[in-house]
Amino acid sequence: MKGIKRILVILGAMVIVIIILSRCMNVADQLPKDIRGETYTGAATCVKCHKETGQSFIHNAHGLTSKPIVGQQFLQVFTPDSNVFNYDVHQKVVIEKRAGGIFQIAYVDGKEVRAEKFDMVFGSGEKAYTYAYWKGKKLYELPLSYFSAIRNWAISPGFPKQTFYYDRLIGSRCLECHASYVDKKITQTSGVSTDEELERGALIYGIDCERCHGPGRQHAVFHLENPEVKTAKFIAIYKTLSRKQKMDACGVCHSGNALVAQKSVFGFQPGDNLDDYYAQDFAGFGGADPDVHGNQTEMLKGSNCYRKSETMTCQSCHNTHENIKGNLNLYSQRCINCHQSANHSKTTLAKGSLSTNCIDCHMPKESSKLITFQQAGKADLSAYLLRSHHIGIYPVNSK
């Protein structure tokens, strides 16, 4: 009799396990596949449980850092009569709508010599939009970018000012900070030269949930099967990371230009050591002097606010799920959380600015040493202004 009971107990346990596994398999089978591998599931799965966060995120700078151009609605922000850029009396590039889409078209003495379609846009538009076109399995930057500061077109940064240029290649390294993934194929051409091909259909635009939180398929399966469990399982939670790990997670794309990639940061997951992915190159692009472009984490680390704190990180001021870009009042309140007794007795400040705008004084916009842009009809390059993340006391006239 005892033997029969034992067998029944074992059989019952097996049935329960089978039911649980069956349910999990059903949920897993219903989740979308992801080009990055079987441990990923994609943002469409995340928003099933995180609708509000997802809606906010897709409208912020991370979510908008790259996207495909579909239709012609994006040109509504541009003034139609400004869509001509004259290099000189003979050469110009015109933004035109045609049957196949929207194009940047080069003319020499009134004759069309080159036309390439807007296929992809980089940037949220807060500072600029830069555009690209596909040619086979290659991605190229278009000659003109749209700059919000002047509300007009200018030559894309780093391009020649004497004539239009359509042949700047955009490689996977650029996409590692402006997208969440792209499938690539590298072939040896001759000697040490290599050729890279990108799969347009295997490009995940913008920075998505799993780029910052790591693979989420196991997390999604568990919580869809166990909605009563409110503690996040099988996913990277930032509050559980060390200070360095938190800074490394942002530093994947915000630690500067004086770095050489050792391996693709598409593989970086929260908790990884960023030093395993990058090596310093102080003599290379950007040098040892941090530039306001792309060097946010290093500039912050050099600030007294960071150095005198044991806990301050990027997340002390930024929540990447929020869409509050440019809200100086809100960011200033976060400054006041630590600086309630700040002494400004020797300064002349507008009434109320102590509590509403710490940012313009202590994190002013500065000219990038690496990026400038050329406006039509102007001899000198125009400054590209970006917010300094070196928090400090600046001269009054630095703004």
Protein backbone atom coordinates (compact mmCIF):
# COMPACT_ATOMS: atom_id res chain seq x y z
CA MET A 1 0.00 0.00 0.00
CA LYS A 2 2.81 2.41 0.88
CA GLY A 3 4.47 1.62 -2.43
CA ILE A 4 1.30 2.51 -4.31
CA LYS A 5 0.95 5.81 -2.42
CA ARG A 6 4.56 6.69 -3.19
CA ILE A 7 4.01 6.00 -6.88
CA LEU A 8 0.85 8.13 -6.87
CA VAL A 9 2.69 11.01 -5.21
CA ILE A 10 5.49 10.80 -7.78
CA LEU A 11 3.00 10.63 -10.64
CA GLY A 12 1.10 13.61 -9.25
CA ALA A 13 4.29 15.64 -8.97
CA MET A 14 5.21 14.73 -12.54
CA VAL A 15 1.79 15.84 -13.79
CA ILE A 16 2.18 19.21 -12.04
CA VAL A 17 5.65 19.70 -13.53
CA ILE A 18 4.36 18.77 -16.99
CA ILE A 19 1.47 21.24 -16.66
CA ILE A 20 3.80 24.02 -15.54
CA LEU A 21 6.29 23.31 -18.32
CA SER A 22 3.47 23.11 -20.84
CA ARG A 23 2.14 26.49 -19.78
CA CYS A 24 5.61 28.03 -19.93
CA MET A 25 6.23 26.54 -23.35
CA ASN A 26 2.93 27.92 -24.59
CA VAL A 27 3.78 31.41 -23.34
CA ALA A 28 7.30 31.20 -24.75
CA ASP A 29 5.99 30.03 -28.11
CA GLN A 30 3.66 33.04 -28.25
CA LEU A 31 6.42 35.57 -27.71
CA PRO A 32 8.01 37.11 -30.80
CA LYS A 33 11.44 35.99 -31.93
CA ASP A 34 14.37 38.40 -31.85
CA ILE A 35 17.29 38.63 -34.26
CA ARG A 36 19.73 38.88 -31.31
CA GLY A 37 19.07 35.31 -30.20
CA GLU A 38 16.77 33.03 -28.27
CA THR A 39 17.31 34.80 -24.92
CA TYR A 40 15.87 38.07 -26.31
CA THR A 41 12.23 38.87 -27.02
CA GLY A 42 12.01 42.49 -28.24
CA ALA A 43 10.35 45.68 -27.00
CA ALA A 44 6.91 44.60 -28.22
CA THR A 45 6.91 41.98 -25.45
CA CYS A 46 8.08 44.44 -22.80
CA VAL A 47 5.20 46.84 -23.38
CA LYS A 48 2.67 44.12 -22.61
CA CYS A 49 3.34 44.81 -18.93
CA HIS A 50 5.09 48.19 -19.13
CA LYS A 51 2.79 50.24 -21.36
CA GLU A 52 3.28 53.61 -19.64
CA THR A 53 7.06 53.25 -19.49
CA GLY A 54 7.13 52.13 -23.11
CA GLN A 55 5.09 55.10 -24.30
CA SER A 56 7.35 57.56 -22.50
CA PHE A 57 10.54 55.88 -23.66
CA ILE A 58 9.74 55.78 -27.37
CA HIS A 59 9.43 59.57 -27.37
CA ASN A 60 12.71 60.34 -25.59
CA ALA A 61 16.19 60.78 -27.04
CA HIS A 62 17.21 57.15 -26.55
CA GLY A 63 14.13 55.78 -28.24
CA LEU A 64 14.48 58.25 -31.12
CA THR A 65 18.22 58.02 -31.69
CA SER A 66 17.57 56.22 -34.98
CA LYS A 67 14.52 55.23 -36.97
CA PRO A 68 13.50 54.39 -40.52
CA ILE A 69 11.90 57.09 -42.62
CA VAL A 70 8.43 56.02 -43.59
CA GLY A 71 6.33 58.35 -45.70
CA GLN A 72 6.87 62.10 -45.86
CA GLN A 73 5.54 63.37 -42.53
CA PHE A 74 8.97 64.13 -41.08
CA LEU A 75 9.43 67.01 -43.52
CA GLN A 76 6.54 68.89 -41.92
CA VAL A 77 9.00 70.41 -39.44
CA PHE A 78 10.96 72.03 -42.25
CA THR A 79 10.13 75.26 -44.06
CA PRO A 80 9.58 74.36 -47.75
CA ASP A 81 11.33 77.46 -49.10
CA SER A 82 14.51 76.66 -47.13
CA ASN A 83 15.06 73.23 -48.64
CA VAL A 84 17.88 74.41 -50.91
CA PHE A 85 21.53 74.52 -49.89
CA ASN A 86 23.86 76.46 -52.19
CA TYR A 87 27.54 75.50 -52.07
CA ASP A 88 28.34 78.21 -54.60
CA VAL A 89 26.78 79.72 -57.72
CA HIS A 90 27.24 76.42 -59.59
CA GLN A 91 26.49 73.70 -57.02
CA LYS A 92 23.52 73.06 -54.78
CA VAL A 93 21.68 70.26 -53.00
CA VAL A 94 17.90 70.37 -52.91
CA ILE A 95 15.51 68.39 -50.70
CA GLU A 96 12.70 67.23 -52.96
CA LYS A 97 9.65 65.00 -52.72
CA ARG A 98 9.39 62.52 -55.57
CA ALA A 99 7.28 59.51 -56.34
CA GLY A 100 9.70 57.12 -54.65
CA GLY A 101 10.11 59.18 -51.47
CA ILE A 102 12.15 62.18 -50.36
CA PHE A 103 15.62 62.81 -51.79
CA GLN A 104 18.71 64.96 -51.38
CA ILE A 105 19.47 65.88 -54.99
CA ALA A 106 22.71 67.47 -56.18
CA TYR A 107 22.73 69.89 -59.11
CA VAL A 108 25.64 71.39 -61.06
CA ASP A 109 24.71 74.38 -63.20
CA GLY A 110 21.09 73.32 -63.01
CA LYS A 111 21.72 69.73 -64.10
CA GLU A 112 20.95 66.86 -61.73
CA VAL A 113 24.08 64.78 -61.06
CA ARG A 114 23.20 62.73 -57.95
CA ALA A 115 20.01 61.78 -56.10
CA GLU A 116 19.78 59.64 -52.98
CA LYS A 117 16.73 58.87 -50.91
CA PHE A 118 16.18 59.54 -47.20
CA ASP A 119 16.08 56.01 -45.75
CA MET A 120 17.07 56.53 -42.12
CA VAL A 121 17.32 59.37 -39.61
CA PHE A 122 19.70 59.71 -36.66
CA GLY A 123 18.86 61.93 -33.70
CA SER A 124 15.78 63.05 -31.81
CA GLY A 125 15.85 66.52 -33.37
CA GLU A 126 16.62 68.35 -30.14
CA LYS A 127 19.98 69.32 -31.63
CA ALA A 128 19.97 67.95 -35.16
CA TYR A 129 18.79 65.32 -37.59
CA THR A 130 21.35 63.46 -39.68
CA TYR A 131 20.21 61.23 -42.53
CA ALA A 132 21.39 58.13 -44.35
CA TYR A 133 20.58 56.09 -47.42
CA TRP A 134 21.01 52.39 -48.23
CA LYS A 135 22.85 51.15 -51.27
CA GLY A 136 22.75 47.38 -51.29
CA LYS A 137 24.13 46.28 -47.93
CA LYS A 138 25.96 49.55 -47.30
CA LEU A 139 24.68 52.54 -45.33
CA TYR A 140 25.89 56.04 -46.28
CA GLU A 141 25.46 59.47 -44.72
CA LEU A 142 23.69 62.15 -46.73
CA PRO A 143 25.50 65.48 -47.30
CA LEU A 144 23.01 67.73 -45.49
CA SER A 145 21.79 67.60 -41.89
CA TYR A 146 19.00 69.64 -40.31
CA PHE A 147 20.13 71.71 -37.30
CA SER A 148 17.54 72.81 -34.76
CA ALA A 149 19.62 75.79 -33.58
CA ILE A 150 19.34 77.47 -36.99
CA ARG A 151 16.13 75.75 -38.09
CA ASN A 152 17.72 75.05 -41.42
CA TRP A 153 19.95 72.75 -43.41
CA ALA A 154 23.73 72.76 -43.16
CA ILE A 155 26.58 70.55 -44.32
CA SER A 156 26.78 67.38 -42.25
CA PRO A 157 29.61 67.57 -39.66
CA GLY A 158 33.00 66.67 -41.07
CA PHE A 159 31.91 66.93 -44.70
CA PRO A 160 33.78 69.14 -47.22
CA LYS A 161 32.37 72.63 -47.71
CA GLN A 162 33.55 73.05 -51.30
CA THR A 163 31.21 70.46 -52.82
CA PHE A 164 28.57 67.87 -52.01
CA TYR A 165 29.69 64.44 -50.81
CA TYR A 166 27.57 61.27 -50.77
CA ASP A 167 30.08 58.54 -50.04
CA ARG A 168 30.72 58.60 -46.28
CA LEU A 169 30.16 55.04 -45.09
CA ILE A 170 28.26 54.40 -41.85
CA GLY A 171 29.57 51.23 -40.24
CA SER A 172 28.30 49.00 -37.47
CA ARG A 173 30.45 50.88 -34.95
CA CYS A 174 28.25 53.97 -35.42
CA LEU A 175 25.13 51.87 -35.00
CA GLU A 176 26.40 50.39 -31.73
CA CYS A 177 25.45 53.68 -30.05
CA HIS A 178 22.58 54.69 -32.33
CA ALA A 179 20.71 51.39 -32.58
CA SER A 180 20.11 48.24 -30.58
CA TYR A 181 21.47 45.73 -33.06
CA VAL A 182 22.43 45.13 -36.67
CA ASP A 183 23.47 41.88 -38.26
CA LYS A 184 26.73 42.24 -40.16
CA LYS A 185 29.03 40.19 -42.33
CA ILE A 186 32.75 40.93 -42.51
CA THR A 187 34.86 39.52 -45.32
CA GLN A 188 38.58 39.78 -46.00
CA THR A 189 39.22 41.71 -49.22
CA SER A 190 42.99 42.06 -49.63
CA GLY A 191 45.80 41.90 -47.10
CA VAL A 192 44.51 43.40 -43.87
CA SER A 193 41.59 45.22 -45.54
CA THR A 194 38.09 44.08 -44.67
CA ASP A 195 34.67 44.74 -46.10
CA GLU A 196 31.55 45.02 -43.96
CA GLU A 197 28.00 44.34 -45.11
CA LEU A 198 24.96 45.26 -43.02
CA GLU A 199 21.59 43.52 -43.13
CA ARG A 200 18.96 46.23 -43.42
CA GLY A 201 16.20 43.87 -42.35
CA ALA A 202 18.16 42.87 -39.23
CA LEU A 203 18.54 46.41 -37.86
CA ILE A 204 16.79 47.22 -34.57
CA TYR A 205 16.32 50.99 -34.53
CA GLY A 206 16.73 53.15 -31.44
CA ILE A 207 17.89 52.02 -28.02
CA ASP A 208 15.40 49.44 -26.80
CA CYS A 209 14.61 47.90 -23.41
CA GLU A 210 16.93 44.92 -23.69
CA ARG A 211 19.85 47.10 -24.76
CA CYS A 212 19.88 48.54 -21.23
CA HIS A 213 18.33 45.73 -19.18
CA GLY A 214 19.80 42.71 -20.92
CA PRO A 215 18.00 39.74 -22.52
CA GLY A 216 14.39 39.62 -21.33
CA ARG A 217 12.78 36.49 -22.68
CA GLN A 218 13.08 34.46 -19.46
CA HIS A 219 11.86 37.48 -17.48
CA ALA A 220 8.82 37.90 -19.72
CA VAL A 221 7.87 34.22 -19.64
CA PHE A 222 8.11 34.08 -15.85
CA HIS A 223 6.01 37.20 -15.17
CA LEU A 224 3.38 36.45 -17.78
CA GLU A 225 2.98 33.08 -16.08
CA ASN A 226 3.19 34.54 -12.57
CA PRO A 227 1.53 37.99 -12.68
CA GLU A 228 1.14 37.98 -8.90
CA VAL A 229 4.93 38.19 -8.46
CA LYS A 230 5.80 41.89 -8.39
CA THR A 231 9.54 41.58 -7.78
CA ALA A 232 11.33 41.55 -11.12
CA LYS A 233 13.03 38.25 -11.87
CA PHE A 234 15.58 37.28 -14.53
CA ILE A 235 16.34 40.84 -15.64
CA ALA A 236 18.95 43.48 -14.78
CA ILE A 237 17.64 45.98 -12.21
CA TYR A 238 19.77 49.09 -11.87
CA LYS A 239 19.30 49.50 -8.13
CA THR A 240 21.03 46.16 -7.61
CA LEU A 241 24.14 47.19 -9.58
CA SER A 242 27.29 48.67 -8.07
CA ARG A 243 28.17 52.30 -8.74
CA LYS A 244 30.76 51.32 -11.34
CA GLN A 245 28.34 48.95 -13.04
CA LYS A 246 25.75 51.71 -13.29
CA MET A 247 28.28 54.12 -14.80
CA ASP A 248 29.54 51.43 -17.17
CA ALA A 249 26.01 50.78 -18.41
CA CYS A 250 25.69 54.42 -19.49
CA GLY A 251 29.33 54.62 -20.52
CA VAL A 252 28.75 52.10 -23.32
CA CYS A 253 27.66 55.07 -25.41
CA HIS A 254 28.48 58.08 -23.22
CA SER A 255 32.12 57.63 -22.21
CA GLY A 256 33.78 59.53 -25.00
CA ASN A 257 35.75 59.44 -28.19
CA ALA A 258 39.18 58.60 -26.74
CA LEU A 259 38.28 54.92 -26.79
CA VAL A 260 39.00 52.02 -29.10
CA ALA A 261 36.46 49.19 -29.25
CA GLN A 262 37.98 45.80 -28.51
CA LYS A 263 34.75 43.97 -29.33
CA SER A 264 31.21 44.89 -30.27
CA VAL A 265 29.31 46.60 -27.46
CA PHE A 266 26.10 45.10 -28.84
CA GLY A 267 27.13 42.22 -26.58
CA PHE A 268 27.42 44.40 -23.46
CA GLN A 269 24.95 43.56 -20.69
CA PRO A 270 24.36 45.45 -17.41
CA GLY A 271 26.86 44.21 -14.86
CA ASP A 272 29.61 43.67 -17.44
CA ASN A 273 32.95 45.42 -17.05
CA LEU A 274 33.21 48.13 -19.71
CA ASP A 275 37.00 47.82 -19.66
CA ASP A 276 36.55 44.46 -21.38
CA TYR A 277 35.00 46.25 -24.37
CA TYR A 278 37.03 49.46 -24.69
CA ALA A 279 40.67 50.50 -24.42
CA GLN A 280 41.79 54.11 -23.91
CA ASP A 281 43.46 55.85 -26.84
CA PHE A 282 44.54 59.24 -25.50
CA ALA A 283 46.51 60.05 -28.65
CA GLY A 284 43.62 59.26 -30.98
CA PHE A 285 40.31 60.87 -31.89
CA GLY A 286 39.37 63.37 -29.19
CA GLY A 287 42.64 63.06 -27.32
CA ALA A 288 42.84 63.15 -23.53
CA ASP A 289 40.76 66.33 -23.16
CA PRO A 290 37.10 65.27 -22.82
CA ASP A 291 34.82 66.90 -25.36
CA VAL A 292 31.20 67.78 -24.63
CA HIS A 293 30.19 65.43 -27.44
CA GLY A 294 29.78 61.88 -26.15
CA ASN A 295 31.90 62.28 -23.01
CA GLN A 296 29.16 62.65 -20.43
CA THR A 297 30.28 59.95 -17.99
CA GLU A 298 33.93 61.01 -17.97
CA MET A 299 33.04 64.68 -17.51
CA LEU A 300 30.69 63.81 -14.66
CA LYS A 301 33.39 61.72 -12.96
CA GLY A 302 35.65 64.77 -12.97
CA SER A 303 33.07 66.90 -11.17
CA ASN A 304 33.24 67.59 -7.43
CA CYS A 305 29.59 66.56 -7.15
CA TYR A 306 30.57 63.06 -8.24
CA ARG A 307 33.93 62.87 -6.50
CA LYS A 308 32.57 63.96 -3.12
CA SER A 309 29.65 61.55 -3.29
CA GLU A 310 29.69 57.84 -2.69
CA THR A 311 26.45 57.19 -4.54
CA MET A 312 26.03 59.71 -7.34
CA THR A 313 25.62 58.21 -10.83
CA CYS A 314 23.98 59.25 -14.09
CA GLN A 315 20.70 57.90 -12.69
CA SER A 316 20.80 60.46 -9.87
CA CYS A 317 19.60 63.02 -12.41
CA HIS A 318 18.43 60.93 -15.37
CA ASN A 319 15.69 58.36 -15.63
CA THR A 320 15.96 57.05 -19.18
CA HIS A 321 12.30 56.02 -19.09
CA GLU A 322 11.27 59.68 -18.84
CA ASN A 323 10.73 62.14 -21.64
CA ILE A 324 11.85 65.35 -19.91
CA LYS A 325 14.65 66.51 -22.21
CA GLY A 326 15.23 70.24 -21.81
CA ASN A 327 13.14 70.58 -18.63
CA LEU A 328 15.66 72.70 -16.73
CA ASN A 329 13.24 73.32 -13.87
CA LEU A 330 12.87 69.63 -13.13
CA TYR A 331 16.59 68.93 -13.42
CA SER A 332 17.28 71.89 -11.12
CA GLN A 333 15.04 70.36 -8.46
CA ARG A 334 17.29 67.32 -8.55
CA CYS A 335 20.27 69.58 -7.92
CA ILE A 336 18.52 71.11 -4.93
CA ASN A 337 17.97 67.68 -3.43
CA CYS A 338 21.67 67.78 -2.53
CA HIS A 339 22.32 71.53 -2.47
CA GLN A 340 19.54 73.02 -0.36
CA SER A 341 21.96 75.36 1.44
CA ALA A 342 23.88 76.59 -1.60
CA ASN A 343 25.39 80.04 -1.01
CA HIS A 344 24.81 82.51 -3.86
CA SER A 345 25.02 85.69 -1.80
CA LYS A 346 27.76 87.20 -4.01
CA THR A 347 26.00 86.59 -7.29
CA THR A 348 23.38 88.54 -9.18
CA LEU A 349 20.57 86.19 -10.15
CA ALA A 350 17.12 86.68 -11.56
CA LYS A 351 14.38 86.19 -9.00
CA GLY A 352 13.47 82.52 -8.70
CA SER A 353 16.41 81.26 -10.76
CA LEU A 354 18.05 79.67 -7.72
CA SER A 355 15.35 77.02 -7.70
CA THR A 356 14.42 76.85 -11.38
CA ASN A 357 17.67 76.98 -13.36
CA CYS A 358 20.85 75.65 -11.79
CA ILE A 359 21.71 74.01 -15.11
CA ASP A 360 22.62 76.92 -17.39
CA CYS A 361 25.12 78.23 -14.83
CA HIS A 362 26.66 75.00 -13.57
CA MET A 363 26.32 72.84 -16.70
CA PRO A 364 26.45 75.40 -19.53
CA LYS A 365 26.29 74.60 -23.20
CA GLU A 366 29.74 74.58 -24.73
CA SER A 367 31.14 74.32 -28.23
CA SER A 368 32.26 70.87 -29.28
CA LYS A 369 35.90 70.69 -30.31
CA LEU A 370 35.12 67.71 -32.53
CA ILE A 371 31.89 68.70 -34.27
CA THR A 372 31.06 71.87 -36.19
CA PHE A 373 28.80 72.57 -39.14
CA GLN A 374 28.92 74.76 -42.21
CA GLN A 375 26.05 77.08 -43.10
CA ALA A 376 25.42 78.28 -46.63
CA GLY A 377 26.97 81.64 -47.47
CA LYS A 378 29.17 81.77 -44.36
CA ALA A 379 32.94 81.52 -44.40
CA ASP A 380 33.39 80.35 -40.82
CA LEU A 381 32.22 77.10 -39.27
CA SER A 382 29.32 77.30 -36.83
CA ALA A 383 29.71 75.97 -33.30
CA TYR A 384 27.85 72.84 -32.27
CA LEU A 385 26.70 73.49 -28.70
CA LEU A 386 26.17 70.67 -26.23
CA ARG A 387 25.44 70.57 -22.51
CA SER A 388 28.58 70.10 -20.42
CA HIS A 389 28.36 67.30 -17.88
CA HIS A 390 31.28 68.63 -15.90
CA ILE A 391 29.28 70.18 -13.05
CA GLY A 392 31.17 73.19 -11.75
CA ILE A 393 31.44 76.93 -11.20
CA TYR A 394 31.86 78.67 -14.55
CA PRO A 395 32.57 82.31 -15.43
CA VAL A 396 29.40 84.39 -15.64
CA ASN A 397 29.92 85.06 -19.36
CA SER A 398 30.40 81.37 -20.24
CA LYS A 399 26.79 80.83 -21.17
